[in-house]
């Protein structure tokens, strides 16, 4: 094989995969990277979820009650309560 063949992307990927499969140090490094990557993704998800909940609470606290939400029901002539007219 010539040097140019070793520099092709398919060959480089095969060489890297073989090195990872056969080298205990490379496998350990790959596992550690995967664990840290998943932990980072979970932490990021927690932070984004907490931020979204905080924004939702802030928006909900600033929205005023509408008239239909705040008005008490009006008693009808039959004695059962009915909603107040809008």
N, C-alpha and C. Protein backbone atom coordinates (compact mmCIF):
# COMPACT_ATOMS: atom_id res chain seq x y z
N UNK A 1 0.85 -1.18 0.00
CA UNK A 1 0.00 0.00 0.00
C UNK A 1 0.89 1.24 0.00
N UNK A 2 0.48 2.18 -0.77
CA UNK A 2 1.21 3.43 -0.84
C UNK A 2 0.74 4.36 0.27
N UNK A 3 1.53 5.38 0.54
CA UNK A 3 1.21 6.33 1.61
C UNK A 3 -0.12 7.04 1.34
N UNK A 4 -0.41 7.28 0.06
CA UNK A 4 -1.67 7.96 -0.27
C UNK A 4 -2.89 7.14 0.12
N UNK A 5 -2.77 5.81 0.04
CA UNK A 5 -3.90 4.95 0.41
C UNK A 5 -4.18 5.01 1.91
N UNK A 6 -3.15 5.21 2.73
CA UNK A 6 -3.35 5.31 4.17
C UNK A 6 -4.04 6.61 4.55
N UNK A 7 -3.94 7.60 3.70
CA UNK A 7 -4.52 8.90 4.01
C UNK A 7 -5.97 9.05 3.55
N UNK A 8 -6.49 8.03 2.88
CA UNK A 8 -7.90 8.09 2.46
C UNK A 8 -8.79 7.99 3.71
N UNK A 9 -9.96 8.60 3.65
CA UNK A 9 -10.81 8.68 4.83
C UNK A 9 -11.30 7.30 5.28
N UNK A 10 -11.62 6.41 4.34
CA UNK A 10 -12.11 5.09 4.71
C UNK A 10 -11.04 4.29 5.45
N UNK A 11 -9.81 4.39 4.97
CA UNK A 11 -8.72 3.66 5.60
C UNK A 11 -8.42 4.26 6.98
N UNK A 12 -8.45 5.57 7.08
CA UNK A 12 -8.19 6.22 8.36
C UNK A 12 -9.24 5.84 9.39
N UNK A 13 -10.49 5.74 8.98
CA UNK A 13 -11.56 5.34 9.89
C UNK A 13 -11.38 3.90 10.33
N UNK A 14 -11.00 3.02 9.40
CA UNK A 14 -10.79 1.62 9.74
C UNK A 14 -9.61 1.47 10.70
N UNK A 15 -8.55 2.23 10.49
CA UNK A 15 -7.39 2.17 11.38
C UNK A 15 -7.77 2.68 12.77
N UNK A 16 -8.51 3.76 12.84
CA UNK A 16 -8.93 4.30 14.14
C UNK A 16 -9.86 3.32 14.86
N UNK A 17 -10.77 2.70 14.14
CA UNK A 17 -11.68 1.74 14.77
C UNK A 17 -10.92 0.52 15.28
N UNK A 18 -9.94 0.06 14.53
CA UNK A 18 -9.12 -1.06 14.98
C UNK A 18 -8.32 -0.69 16.22
N UNK A 19 -7.77 0.50 16.24
CA UNK A 19 -7.00 0.94 17.40
C UNK A 19 -7.88 1.02 18.64
N UNK A 20 -9.09 1.51 18.48
CA UNK A 20 -10.02 1.61 19.61
C UNK A 20 -10.44 0.22 20.08
N UNK A 21 -10.67 -0.68 19.13
CA UNK A 21 -11.11 -2.02 19.49
C UNK A 21 -10.02 -2.83 20.19
N UNK A 22 -8.78 -2.60 19.84
CA UNK A 22 -7.70 -3.41 20.37
C UNK A 22 -6.96 -2.78 21.54
N UNK A 23 -7.05 -1.49 21.72
CA UNK A 23 -6.27 -0.81 22.74
C UNK A 23 -7.11 -0.60 24.01
N UNK A 24 -6.69 -1.17 25.13
CA UNK A 24 -7.45 -0.94 26.37
C UNK A 24 -7.47 0.53 26.78
N UNK A 25 -6.37 1.22 26.55
CA UNK A 25 -6.32 2.64 26.91
C UNK A 25 -7.31 3.45 26.05
N UNK A 26 -7.37 3.13 24.78
CA UNK A 26 -8.30 3.85 23.89
C UNK A 26 -9.75 3.53 24.25
N UNK A 27 -10.02 2.25 24.59
CA UNK A 27 -11.40 1.90 25.00
C UNK A 27 -11.79 2.62 26.27
N UNK A 28 -10.88 2.70 27.23
CA UNK A 28 -11.15 3.40 28.49
C UNK A 28 -11.42 4.87 28.23
N UNK A 29 -10.61 5.46 27.37
CA UNK A 29 -10.80 6.86 27.03
C UNK A 29 -12.14 7.09 26.32
N UNK A 30 -12.49 6.18 25.43
CA UNK A 30 -13.77 6.28 24.72
C UNK A 30 -14.95 6.13 25.68
N UNK A 31 -14.85 5.17 26.60
CA UNK A 31 -15.92 5.00 27.60
C UNK A 31 -16.06 6.23 28.48
N UNK A 32 -14.93 6.74 28.94
CA UNK A 32 -14.96 7.92 29.80
C UNK A 32 -15.58 9.12 29.05
N UNK A 33 -15.22 9.27 27.80
CA UNK A 33 -15.81 10.35 26.99
C UNK A 33 -17.31 10.18 26.82
N UNK A 34 -17.73 8.94 26.61
CA UNK A 34 -19.17 8.68 26.46
C UNK A 34 -19.91 8.99 27.75
N UNK A 35 -19.34 8.59 28.88
CA UNK A 35 -19.99 8.84 30.18
C UNK A 35 -20.09 10.33 30.45
N UNK A 36 -18.98 11.04 30.23
CA UNK A 36 -19.02 12.49 30.45
C UNK A 36 -19.96 13.19 29.46
N UNK A 37 -20.02 12.68 28.25
CA UNK A 37 -20.93 13.27 27.26
C UNK A 37 -22.39 13.12 27.64
N UNK A 38 -22.75 11.91 28.09
CA UNK A 38 -24.13 11.67 28.51
C UNK A 38 -24.46 12.49 29.76
N UNK A 39 -23.51 12.54 30.70
CA UNK A 39 -23.75 13.34 31.91
C UNK A 39 -23.93 14.81 31.57
N UNK A 40 -23.14 15.31 30.64
CA UNK A 40 -23.28 16.71 30.22
C UNK A 40 -24.62 16.96 29.55
N UNK A 41 -25.06 16.01 28.72
CA UNK A 41 -26.35 16.18 28.06
C UNK A 41 -27.49 16.17 29.07
N UNK A 42 -27.42 15.29 30.07
CA UNK A 42 -28.46 15.26 31.10
C UNK A 42 -28.47 16.54 31.93
N UNK A 43 -27.30 17.03 32.27
CA UNK A 43 -27.22 18.28 33.05
C UNK A 43 -27.76 19.46 32.24
N UNK A 44 -27.41 19.50 30.97
CA UNK A 44 -27.91 20.57 30.10
C UNK A 44 -29.43 20.52 30.01
N UNK A 45 -29.98 19.32 29.89
CA UNK A 45 -31.44 19.18 29.83
C UNK A 45 -32.08 19.67 31.12
N UNK A 46 -31.49 19.35 32.26
CA UNK A 46 -32.02 19.82 33.54
C UNK A 46 -32.00 21.34 33.63
N UNK A 47 -30.91 21.95 33.20
CA UNK A 47 -30.79 23.41 33.27
C UNK A 47 -31.80 24.09 32.34
N UNK A 48 -31.94 23.57 31.14
CA UNK A 48 -32.89 24.16 30.18
C UNK A 48 -34.32 24.00 30.68
N UNK A 49 -34.63 22.84 31.24
CA UNK A 49 -35.98 22.61 31.77
C UNK A 49 -36.27 23.56 32.93
N UNK A 50 -35.32 23.72 33.83
CA UNK A 50 -35.52 24.62 34.96
C UNK A 50 -35.68 26.06 34.49
N UNK A 51 -34.91 26.47 33.50
CA UNK A 51 -35.04 27.83 32.97
C UNK A 51 -36.41 28.03 32.32
N UNK A 52 -36.87 27.04 31.58
CA UNK A 52 -38.18 27.15 30.92
C UNK A 52 -39.30 27.23 31.96
N UNK A 53 -39.18 26.45 33.03
CA UNK A 53 -40.20 26.52 34.08
C UNK A 53 -40.18 27.88 34.77
N UNK A 54 -39.01 28.44 34.98
CA UNK A 54 -38.91 29.76 35.59
C UNK A 54 -39.53 30.83 34.72
N UNK A 55 -39.29 30.74 33.41
CA UNK A 55 -39.90 31.70 32.49
C UNK A 55 -41.41 31.55 32.50
N UNK A 56 -41.90 30.32 32.51
CA UNK A 56 -43.35 30.09 32.51
C UNK A 56 -43.98 30.63 33.79
N UNK A 57 -43.32 30.43 34.91
CA UNK A 57 -43.85 30.97 36.17
C UNK A 57 -43.86 32.49 36.16
N UNK A 58 -42.82 33.09 35.61
CA UNK A 58 -42.76 34.55 35.54
C UNK A 58 -43.85 35.11 34.65
N UNK A 59 -44.10 34.47 33.53
CA UNK A 59 -45.15 34.92 32.62
C UNK A 59 -46.51 34.73 33.28
N UNK A 60 -46.71 33.61 33.95
CA UNK A 60 -48.00 33.36 34.59
C UNK A 60 -48.26 34.36 35.71
N UNK A 61 -47.22 34.79 36.40
CA UNK A 61 -47.40 35.75 37.48
C UNK A 61 -47.73 37.15 36.96
N UNK A 62 -47.36 37.46 35.73
CA UNK A 62 -47.59 38.79 35.18
C UNK A 62 -48.90 38.90 34.40
N UNK A 63 -49.55 37.80 34.10
CA UNK A 63 -50.80 37.84 33.34
C UNK A 63 -51.93 38.20 34.29
N UNK A 64 -52.66 39.32 34.04
CA UNK A 64 -53.76 39.70 34.93
C UNK A 64 -54.96 38.78 34.72
N UNK A 65 -55.79 38.65 35.75
CA UNK A 65 -56.99 37.85 35.65
C UNK A 65 -58.00 38.56 34.75
N UNK A 66 -58.73 37.82 33.96
CA UNK A 66 -59.74 38.43 33.10
C UNK A 66 -61.02 38.66 33.90
N UNK A 67 -61.94 39.42 33.35
CA UNK A 67 -63.19 39.74 34.06
C UNK A 67 -64.01 38.50 34.34
N UNK A 68 -64.04 37.58 33.40
CA UNK A 68 -64.85 36.37 33.61
C UNK A 68 -64.24 35.48 34.67
N UNK A 69 -62.92 35.52 34.83
CA UNK A 69 -62.27 34.72 35.87
C UNK A 69 -62.51 35.31 37.25
N UNK A 70 -62.57 36.64 37.35
CA UNK A 70 -62.64 37.31 38.64
C UNK A 70 -64.07 37.53 39.12
N UNK A 71 -65.05 37.55 38.21
CA UNK A 71 -66.42 37.88 38.59
C UNK A 71 -67.10 36.69 39.29
N UNK A 72 -67.76 36.93 40.42
CA UNK A 72 -68.49 35.84 41.10
C UNK A 72 -69.77 35.53 40.33
N UNK A 73 -70.30 34.32 40.45
CA UNK A 73 -71.55 33.99 39.75
C UNK A 73 -72.73 34.77 40.33
N UNK A 74 -73.67 35.10 39.47
CA UNK A 74 -74.86 35.85 39.87
C UNK A 74 -76.01 34.86 40.04
N UNK A 75 -76.77 35.00 41.16
CA UNK A 75 -77.89 34.10 41.40
C UNK A 75 -79.04 34.44 40.47
N UNK A 76 -79.62 33.44 39.85
CA UNK A 76 -80.76 33.66 38.96
C UNK A 76 -82.04 33.64 39.78
N UNK A 77 -83.15 33.92 39.14
CA UNK A 77 -84.44 33.93 39.83
C UNK A 77 -84.83 32.53 40.28
N UNK A 78 -84.25 31.51 39.68
CA UNK A 78 -84.56 30.14 40.06
C UNK A 78 -83.72 29.69 41.26
N UNK A 79 -82.77 30.49 41.70
CA UNK A 79 -81.99 30.17 42.86
C UNK A 79 -80.65 29.48 42.57
N UNK A 80 -80.41 29.05 41.36
CA UNK A 80 -79.12 28.42 41.05
C UNK A 80 -78.19 29.48 40.47
N UNK A 81 -76.92 29.44 40.82
CA UNK A 81 -76.01 30.46 40.31
C UNK A 81 -75.75 30.28 38.83
N UNK A 82 -75.59 31.40 38.16
CA UNK A 82 -75.25 31.37 36.74
C UNK A 82 -74.12 32.38 36.55
N UNK A 83 -73.33 32.24 35.52
CA UNK A 83 -72.24 33.19 35.29
C UNK A 83 -72.76 34.59 35.06
N UNK A 84 -71.98 35.57 35.47
CA UNK A 84 -72.36 36.98 35.27
C UNK A 84 -72.30 37.30 33.79
N UNK A 85 -73.13 38.25 33.35
CA UNK A 85 -73.14 38.61 31.93
C UNK A 85 -71.85 39.33 31.56
N UNK A 86 -71.41 39.10 30.34
CA UNK A 86 -70.15 39.68 29.89
C UNK A 86 -70.32 41.05 29.31
